[in-house]
N, C-alpha and C. Protein backbone atom coordinates (compact mmCIF):
# COMPACT_ATOMS: atom_id res chain seq x y z
N UNK A 1 0.86 -1.17 0.00
CA UNK A 1 0.00 0.00 0.00
C UNK A 1 0.90 1.23 0.00
N UNK A 2 0.59 2.19 -0.82
CA UNK A 2 1.38 3.41 -0.91
C UNK A 2 1.18 4.25 0.33
N UNK A 3 2.19 5.05 0.69
CA UNK A 3 2.12 5.88 1.89
C UNK A 3 1.05 6.95 1.80
N UNK A 4 0.74 7.43 0.60
CA UNK A 4 -0.25 8.50 0.48
C UNK A 4 -1.67 8.01 0.79
N UNK A 5 -1.91 6.71 0.89
CA UNK A 5 -3.23 6.17 1.22
C UNK A 5 -3.46 6.00 2.72
N UNK A 6 -2.41 6.17 3.53
CA UNK A 6 -2.55 5.98 4.98
C UNK A 6 -3.58 6.91 5.61
N UNK A 7 -3.67 8.20 5.27
CA UNK A 7 -4.71 9.04 5.90
C UNK A 7 -6.12 8.51 5.63
N UNK A 8 -6.34 7.97 4.45
CA UNK A 8 -7.64 7.42 4.11
C UNK A 8 -7.96 6.21 4.98
N UNK A 9 -6.97 5.35 5.19
CA UNK A 9 -7.15 4.17 6.05
C UNK A 9 -7.47 4.62 7.47
N UNK A 10 -6.78 5.64 7.94
CA UNK A 10 -7.03 6.17 9.29
C UNK A 10 -8.45 6.71 9.43
N UNK A 11 -8.94 7.41 8.42
CA UNK A 11 -10.31 7.93 8.46
C UNK A 11 -11.33 6.81 8.47
N UNK A 12 -11.09 5.76 7.70
CA UNK A 12 -12.01 4.62 7.69
C UNK A 12 -12.04 3.94 9.04
N UNK A 13 -10.88 3.79 9.67
CA UNK A 13 -10.83 3.17 11.00
C UNK A 13 -11.56 4.03 12.02
N UNK A 14 -11.38 5.34 11.93
CA UNK A 14 -12.06 6.25 12.85
C UNK A 14 -13.57 6.22 12.63
N UNK A 15 -14.00 6.17 11.40
CA UNK A 15 -15.44 6.17 11.09
C UNK A 15 -16.12 4.92 11.62
N UNK A 16 -15.42 3.79 11.61
CA UNK A 16 -16.04 2.56 12.12
C UNK A 16 -15.96 2.48 13.63
N UNK A 17 -15.05 3.22 14.26
CA UNK A 17 -14.90 3.17 15.71
C UNK A 17 -15.86 4.11 16.43
N UNK A 18 -16.28 5.19 15.78
CA UNK A 18 -17.17 6.16 16.41
C UNK A 18 -18.61 5.68 16.28
N UNK A 19 -19.33 5.56 17.40
CA UNK A 19 -20.73 5.11 17.30
C UNK A 19 -21.59 6.15 16.60
N UNK A 20 -22.58 5.67 15.90
CA UNK A 20 -23.50 6.57 15.20
C UNK A 20 -24.31 7.37 16.22
N UNK A 21 -24.56 8.61 15.91
CA UNK A 21 -25.37 9.45 16.79
C UNK A 21 -26.83 9.07 16.61
N UNK A 22 -27.48 8.78 17.73
CA UNK A 22 -28.89 8.37 17.67
C UNK A 22 -29.75 9.56 17.33
N UNK A 23 -30.56 9.40 16.29
CA UNK A 23 -31.51 10.44 15.91
C UNK A 23 -32.87 10.06 16.44
N UNK A 24 -33.65 11.03 16.89
CA UNK A 24 -34.98 10.68 17.38
C UNK A 24 -35.83 10.08 16.27
N UNK A 25 -36.64 9.12 16.65
CA UNK A 25 -37.52 8.48 15.67
C UNK A 25 -38.53 9.49 15.14
N UNK A 26 -38.80 9.40 13.86
CA UNK A 26 -39.78 10.30 13.27
C UNK A 26 -41.17 9.90 13.71
N UNK A 27 -41.98 10.90 14.03
CA UNK A 27 -43.36 10.64 14.43
C UNK A 27 -44.24 10.76 13.20
N UNK A 28 -45.12 9.80 13.06
CA UNK A 28 -46.08 9.86 11.96
C UNK A 28 -47.27 10.69 12.41
N UNK A 29 -47.72 11.57 11.53
CA UNK A 29 -48.82 12.48 11.85
C UNK A 29 -49.86 12.49 10.75
N UNK A 30 -51.04 12.94 11.12
CA UNK A 30 -52.13 13.20 10.18
C UNK A 30 -52.49 14.67 10.34
N UNK A 31 -52.45 15.42 9.25
CA UNK A 31 -52.77 16.84 9.32
C UNK A 31 -54.19 17.05 9.83
N UNK A 32 -54.37 18.01 10.72
CA UNK A 32 -55.70 18.31 11.24
C UNK A 32 -56.64 18.76 10.13
N UNK A 33 -56.10 19.35 9.08
CA UNK A 33 -56.95 19.81 7.97
C UNK A 33 -57.49 18.64 7.15
N UNK A 34 -56.94 17.42 7.33
CA UNK A 34 -57.38 16.25 6.58
C UNK A 34 -58.40 15.39 7.32
N UNK A 35 -58.64 15.70 8.60
CA UNK A 35 -59.59 14.93 9.39
C UNK A 35 -60.46 15.87 10.22
N UNK A 36 -61.65 15.38 10.57
CA UNK A 36 -62.54 16.14 11.45
C UNK A 36 -62.05 15.99 12.89
N UNK A 37 -62.61 16.78 13.78
CA UNK A 37 -62.27 16.67 15.20
C UNK A 37 -62.52 15.25 15.68
N UNK A 38 -61.70 14.75 16.60
CA UNK A 38 -61.87 13.37 17.05
C UNK A 38 -63.20 13.15 17.76
N UNK A 39 -63.73 11.94 17.57
CA UNK A 39 -65.00 11.53 18.18
C UNK A 39 -64.75 10.23 18.93
N UNK A 40 -65.32 10.11 20.13
CA UNK A 40 -65.21 8.86 20.87
C UNK A 40 -66.31 7.92 20.39
N UNK A 41 -65.90 6.74 19.92
CA UNK A 41 -66.85 5.74 19.45
C UNK A 41 -67.50 5.03 20.64
N UNK A 42 -68.58 4.30 20.37
CA UNK A 42 -69.26 3.54 21.41
C UNK A 42 -68.34 2.50 22.06
N UNK A 43 -67.34 2.02 21.31
CA UNK A 43 -66.42 1.02 21.87
C UNK A 43 -65.25 1.64 22.62
N UNK A 44 -65.27 2.98 22.80
CA UNK A 44 -64.23 3.66 23.56
C UNK A 44 -62.99 4.00 22.76
N UNK A 45 -63.03 3.83 21.47
CA UNK A 45 -61.88 4.18 20.63
C UNK A 45 -62.06 5.59 20.08
N UNK A 46 -60.94 6.22 19.78
CA UNK A 46 -60.95 7.57 19.24
C UNK A 46 -60.90 7.50 17.72
N UNK A 47 -61.87 8.16 17.08
CA UNK A 47 -62.06 8.10 15.63
C UNK A 47 -61.82 9.47 15.03
N UNK A 48 -61.01 9.51 13.97
CA UNK A 48 -60.75 10.73 13.21
C UNK A 48 -61.31 10.52 11.81
N UNK A 49 -62.40 11.19 11.47
CA UNK A 49 -63.05 11.02 10.17
C UNK A 49 -62.28 11.79 9.11
N UNK A 50 -61.95 11.11 8.02
CA UNK A 50 -61.24 11.75 6.91
C UNK A 50 -62.10 12.83 6.26
N UNK A 51 -61.46 13.94 5.91
CA UNK A 51 -62.16 15.04 5.25
C UNK A 51 -61.49 15.31 3.92
N UNK A 52 -62.15 15.34 2.83
CA UNK A 52 -63.59 15.17 2.65
C UNK A 52 -64.01 13.71 2.50
N UNK A 53 -63.05 12.78 2.46
CA UNK A 53 -63.35 11.38 2.16
C UNK A 53 -63.26 10.52 3.43
N UNK A 54 -64.38 9.98 3.87
CA UNK A 54 -64.39 9.17 5.10
C UNK A 54 -63.56 7.91 4.97
N UNK A 55 -63.24 7.51 3.73
CA UNK A 55 -62.41 6.32 3.53
C UNK A 55 -60.96 6.57 3.92
N UNK A 56 -60.62 7.82 4.24
CA UNK A 56 -59.27 8.16 4.70
C UNK A 56 -59.31 8.56 6.17
N UNK A 57 -60.02 7.76 6.95
CA UNK A 57 -60.18 8.00 8.39
C UNK A 57 -59.12 7.22 9.16
N UNK A 58 -59.06 7.48 10.48
CA UNK A 58 -58.08 6.83 11.34
C UNK A 58 -58.71 6.50 12.69
N UNK A 59 -58.16 5.45 13.32
CA UNK A 59 -58.50 5.08 14.69
C UNK A 59 -57.21 5.19 15.50
N UNK A 60 -57.27 5.87 16.65
CA UNK A 60 -56.09 5.99 17.51
C UNK A 60 -55.89 4.69 18.28
N UNK A 61 -54.67 4.16 18.22
CA UNK A 61 -54.28 2.99 19.00
C UNK A 61 -53.38 3.51 20.11
N UNK A 62 -53.74 3.21 21.36
CA UNK A 62 -53.02 3.77 22.51
C UNK A 62 -51.95 2.82 23.02
N UNK A 63 -50.90 3.40 23.58
CA UNK A 63 -49.86 2.59 24.23
C UNK A 63 -50.49 1.96 25.46
N UNK A 64 -50.27 0.68 25.64
CA UNK A 64 -50.82 -0.02 26.80
C UNK A 64 -52.25 -0.47 26.63
N UNK A 65 -52.82 -0.34 25.44
CA UNK A 65 -54.19 -0.81 25.22
C UNK A 65 -55.21 0.31 25.27
N UNK A 66 -56.38 -0.01 25.80
CA UNK A 66 -57.49 0.95 25.83
C UNK A 66 -57.17 2.15 26.72
N UNK A 67 -57.79 3.27 26.43
CA UNK A 67 -57.62 4.48 27.23
C UNK A 67 -58.74 4.55 28.26
N UNK A 68 -58.43 4.42 29.55
CA UNK A 68 -59.47 4.45 30.58
C UNK A 68 -60.24 5.77 30.55
N UNK A 69 -61.52 5.68 30.71
CA UNK A 69 -62.36 6.87 30.74
C UNK A 69 -62.94 7.25 29.40
N UNK A 70 -62.37 6.75 28.30
CA UNK A 70 -62.95 7.05 26.99
C UNK A 70 -64.17 6.16 26.80
N UNK A 71 -65.31 6.77 26.77
CA UNK A 71 -66.55 6.05 26.50
C UNK A 71 -67.47 6.99 25.73
N UNK A 72 -68.61 6.49 25.32
CA UNK A 72 -69.48 7.29 24.45
C UNK A 72 -70.03 8.54 25.13
N UNK A 73 -69.91 8.62 26.46
CA UNK A 73 -70.38 9.81 27.17
C UNK A 73 -69.26 10.81 27.43
N UNK A 74 -68.04 10.48 27.05
CA UNK A 74 -66.89 11.34 27.33
C UNK A 74 -66.57 12.24 26.14
N UNK A 75 -65.91 13.32 26.45
CA UNK A 75 -65.34 14.20 25.43
C UNK A 75 -63.83 13.99 25.46
N UNK A 76 -63.22 13.88 24.31
CA UNK A 76 -61.77 13.67 24.24
C UNK A 76 -61.05 15.01 24.06
N UNK A 77 -60.00 15.19 24.82
CA UNK A 77 -59.14 16.35 24.69
C UNK A 77 -57.77 15.85 24.23
N UNK A 78 -57.34 16.31 23.04
CA UNK A 78 -56.06 15.86 22.48
C UNK A 78 -55.05 17.00 22.59
N UNK A 79 -53.91 16.71 23.22
CA UNK A 79 -52.83 17.68 23.34
C UNK A 79 -51.87 17.45 22.17
N UNK A 80 -51.97 18.28 21.15
CA UNK A 80 -51.12 18.13 19.96
C UNK A 80 -49.89 19.01 20.09
N UNK A 81 -48.90 18.71 19.28
CA UNK A 81 -47.65 19.47 19.31
C UNK A 81 -47.40 20.20 17.99
N UNK A 82 -48.38 20.23 17.11
CA UNK A 82 -48.19 20.89 15.82
C UNK A 82 -49.48 20.98 15.07
N UNK A 83 -49.39 20.89 13.75
CA UNK A 83 -50.55 21.05 12.88
C UNK A 83 -51.22 19.72 12.58
N UNK A 84 -50.90 18.70 13.35
CA UNK A 84 -51.50 17.40 13.09
C UNK A 84 -51.68 16.59 14.35
N UNK A 85 -52.34 15.46 14.19
CA UNK A 85 -52.47 14.48 15.27
C UNK A 85 -51.35 13.47 15.03
N UNK A 86 -50.52 13.25 16.04
CA UNK A 86 -49.30 12.46 15.85
C UNK A 86 -49.15 11.35 16.87
N UNK A 87 -48.30 10.39 16.51
CA UNK A 87 -47.87 9.39 17.47
C UNK A 87 -47.23 10.13 18.64
N UNK A 88 -47.57 9.75 19.85
CA UNK A 88 -47.01 10.41 21.02
C UNK A 88 -47.88 11.52 21.58
N UNK A 89 -48.89 11.97 20.83
CA UNK A 89 -49.81 12.98 21.37
C UNK A 89 -50.56 12.41 22.56
N UNK A 90 -50.91 13.28 23.48
CA UNK A 90 -51.59 12.86 24.70
C UNK A 90 -53.09 13.12 24.61
N UNK A 91 -53.87 12.20 25.15
CA UNK A 91 -55.33 12.28 25.11
C UNK A 91 -55.86 12.14 26.53
N UNK A 92 -56.85 12.95 26.87
CA UNK A 92 -57.56 12.82 28.14
C UNK A 92 -59.05 12.74 27.84
N UNK A 93 -59.72 11.90 28.59
CA UNK A 93 -61.17 11.84 28.51
C UNK A 93 -61.73 12.79 29.56
N UNK A 94 -62.70 13.60 29.15
CA UNK A 94 -63.39 14.48 30.09
C UNK A 94 -64.78 13.90 30.31
N UNK A 95 -65.05 13.51 31.56
CA UNK A 95 -66.35 12.91 31.87
C UNK A 95 -67.41 14.00 31.90
N UNK A 96 -68.48 13.78 31.15
CA UNK A 96 -69.58 14.75 31.17
C UNK A 96 -70.60 14.31 32.20
N UNK A 97 -71.31 15.15 32.85
CA UNK A 97 -71.31 16.61 32.75
C UNK A 97 -70.29 17.29 33.65
N UNK A 98 -69.56 16.53 34.47
CA UNK A 98 -68.65 17.13 35.45
C UNK A 98 -67.39 17.72 34.83
N UNK A 99 -66.98 17.25 33.64
CA UNK A 99 -65.76 17.67 32.96
C UNK A 99 -64.50 17.36 33.78
N UNK A 100 -64.59 16.33 34.64
CA UNK A 100 -63.43 15.89 35.40
C UNK A 100 -62.50 15.13 34.44
N UNK A 101 -61.22 15.54 34.36
CA UNK A 101 -60.33 14.86 33.42
C UNK A 101 -59.96 13.46 33.89
N UNK A 102 -59.90 12.55 32.94
CA UNK A 102 -59.48 11.18 33.23
C UNK A 102 -57.98 11.05 33.11
N UNK A 103 -57.48 9.82 33.17
CA UNK A 103 -56.04 9.60 33.06
C UNK A 103 -55.51 9.99 31.68
N UNK A 104 -54.23 10.28 31.64
CA UNK A 104 -53.56 10.65 30.40
C UNK A 104 -53.22 9.39 29.61
N UNK A 105 -53.56 9.38 28.33
CA UNK A 105 -53.24 8.26 27.44
C UNK A 105 -52.37 8.80 26.31
N UNK A 106 -51.51 7.95 25.77
CA UNK A 106 -50.59 8.36 24.71
C UNK A 106 -50.91 7.57 23.44
N UNK A 107 -51.04 8.29 22.33
CA UNK A 107 -51.30 7.64 21.04
C UNK A 107 -50.04 6.91 20.59
N UNK A 108 -50.15 5.60 20.40
CA UNK A 108 -49.03 4.81 19.89
C UNK A 108 -48.93 4.99 18.38
N UNK A 109 -50.06 4.81 17.69
CA UNK A 109 -50.09 5.06 16.25
C UNK A 109 -51.54 5.26 15.81
N UNK A 110 -51.68 5.79 14.61
CA UNK A 110 -52.99 6.02 14.02
C UNK A 110 -53.21 4.98 12.94
N UNK A 111 -54.18 4.10 13.18
CA UNK A 111 -54.48 3.01 12.25
C UNK A 111 -55.41 3.52 11.16
N UNK A 112 -55.00 3.40 9.88
CA UNK A 112 -55.92 3.78 8.80
C UNK A 112 -57.21 2.97 8.90
N UNK A 113 -58.32 3.63 8.65
CA UNK A 113 -59.64 3.00 8.79
C UNK A 113 -60.54 3.58 7.71
N UNK A 114 -61.04 2.74 6.83
CA UNK A 114 -61.84 3.21 5.69
C UNK A 114 -63.33 3.19 6.00
N UNK A 115 -63.71 3.32 7.26
CA UNK A 115 -65.12 3.25 7.62
C UNK A 115 -65.63 4.51 8.28
N UNK A 116 -66.90 4.45 8.66
CA UNK A 116 -67.54 5.55 9.36
C UNK A 116 -67.45 5.28 10.86
N UNK A 117 -67.88 6.25 11.67
CA UNK A 117 -67.71 6.17 13.12
C UNK A 117 -68.33 4.92 13.73
N UNK A 118 -69.45 4.43 13.20
CA UNK A 118 -70.13 3.28 13.78
C UNK A 118 -69.79 1.96 13.11
N UNK A 119 -68.95 1.97 12.10
CA UNK A 119 -68.60 0.74 11.39
C UNK A 119 -67.69 -0.14 12.26
N UNK A 120 -67.82 -1.47 12.12
CA UNK A 120 -66.93 -2.36 12.87
C UNK A 120 -65.49 -2.21 12.39
N UNK A 121 -64.56 -2.42 13.30
CA UNK A 121 -63.14 -2.30 12.99
C UNK A 121 -62.58 -3.70 12.76
N UNK A 122 -61.94 -3.93 11.61
CA UNK A 122 -61.32 -5.24 11.40
C UNK A 122 -60.17 -5.43 12.39
N UNK A 123 -59.78 -6.67 12.63
CA UNK A 123 -58.67 -6.94 13.54
C UNK A 123 -57.45 -6.16 13.10
N UNK A 124 -56.77 -5.57 14.08
CA UNK A 124 -55.58 -4.77 13.79
C UNK A 124 -54.44 -5.67 13.35
N UNK A 125 -53.60 -5.20 12.41
CA UNK A 125 -52.43 -5.99 12.01
C UNK A 125 -51.45 -6.09 13.17
N UNK A 126 -50.58 -7.09 13.12
CA UNK A 126 -49.64 -7.33 14.21
C UNK A 126 -48.67 -6.16 14.40
N UNK A 127 -48.20 -5.55 13.34
CA UNK A 127 -47.28 -4.41 13.44
C UNK A 127 -48.03 -3.12 13.30
N UNK A 128 -47.26 -2.04 13.16
CA UNK A 128 -47.88 -0.72 12.98
C UNK A 128 -48.29 -0.54 11.56
């Protein structure tokens, strides 16, 4: 190997020795302008109706399963961090008529759903 190639070999060794900097995972979002305000379904799930096409709707899937307090008599309050509803956004159920806030739930992901608010939900896929 020629001597002029040694700096290149040194850079390659350094590049493989330095750990990669962890970048935060990208959050998937749905623009608020593409869906109507969230509605609590009779089964306690949060439904975002696609606008103008209901076939582009979403169901919120929460970390840890169901969100306690979300029922057909509750109002959902979503704490968003931007112009959309995103993975990681926080949801609270407000019990009517008292408006007492329920526990905080975190959206794990938004499952695409081509139905209306009262339509049955097919079994969720194993992954996201």
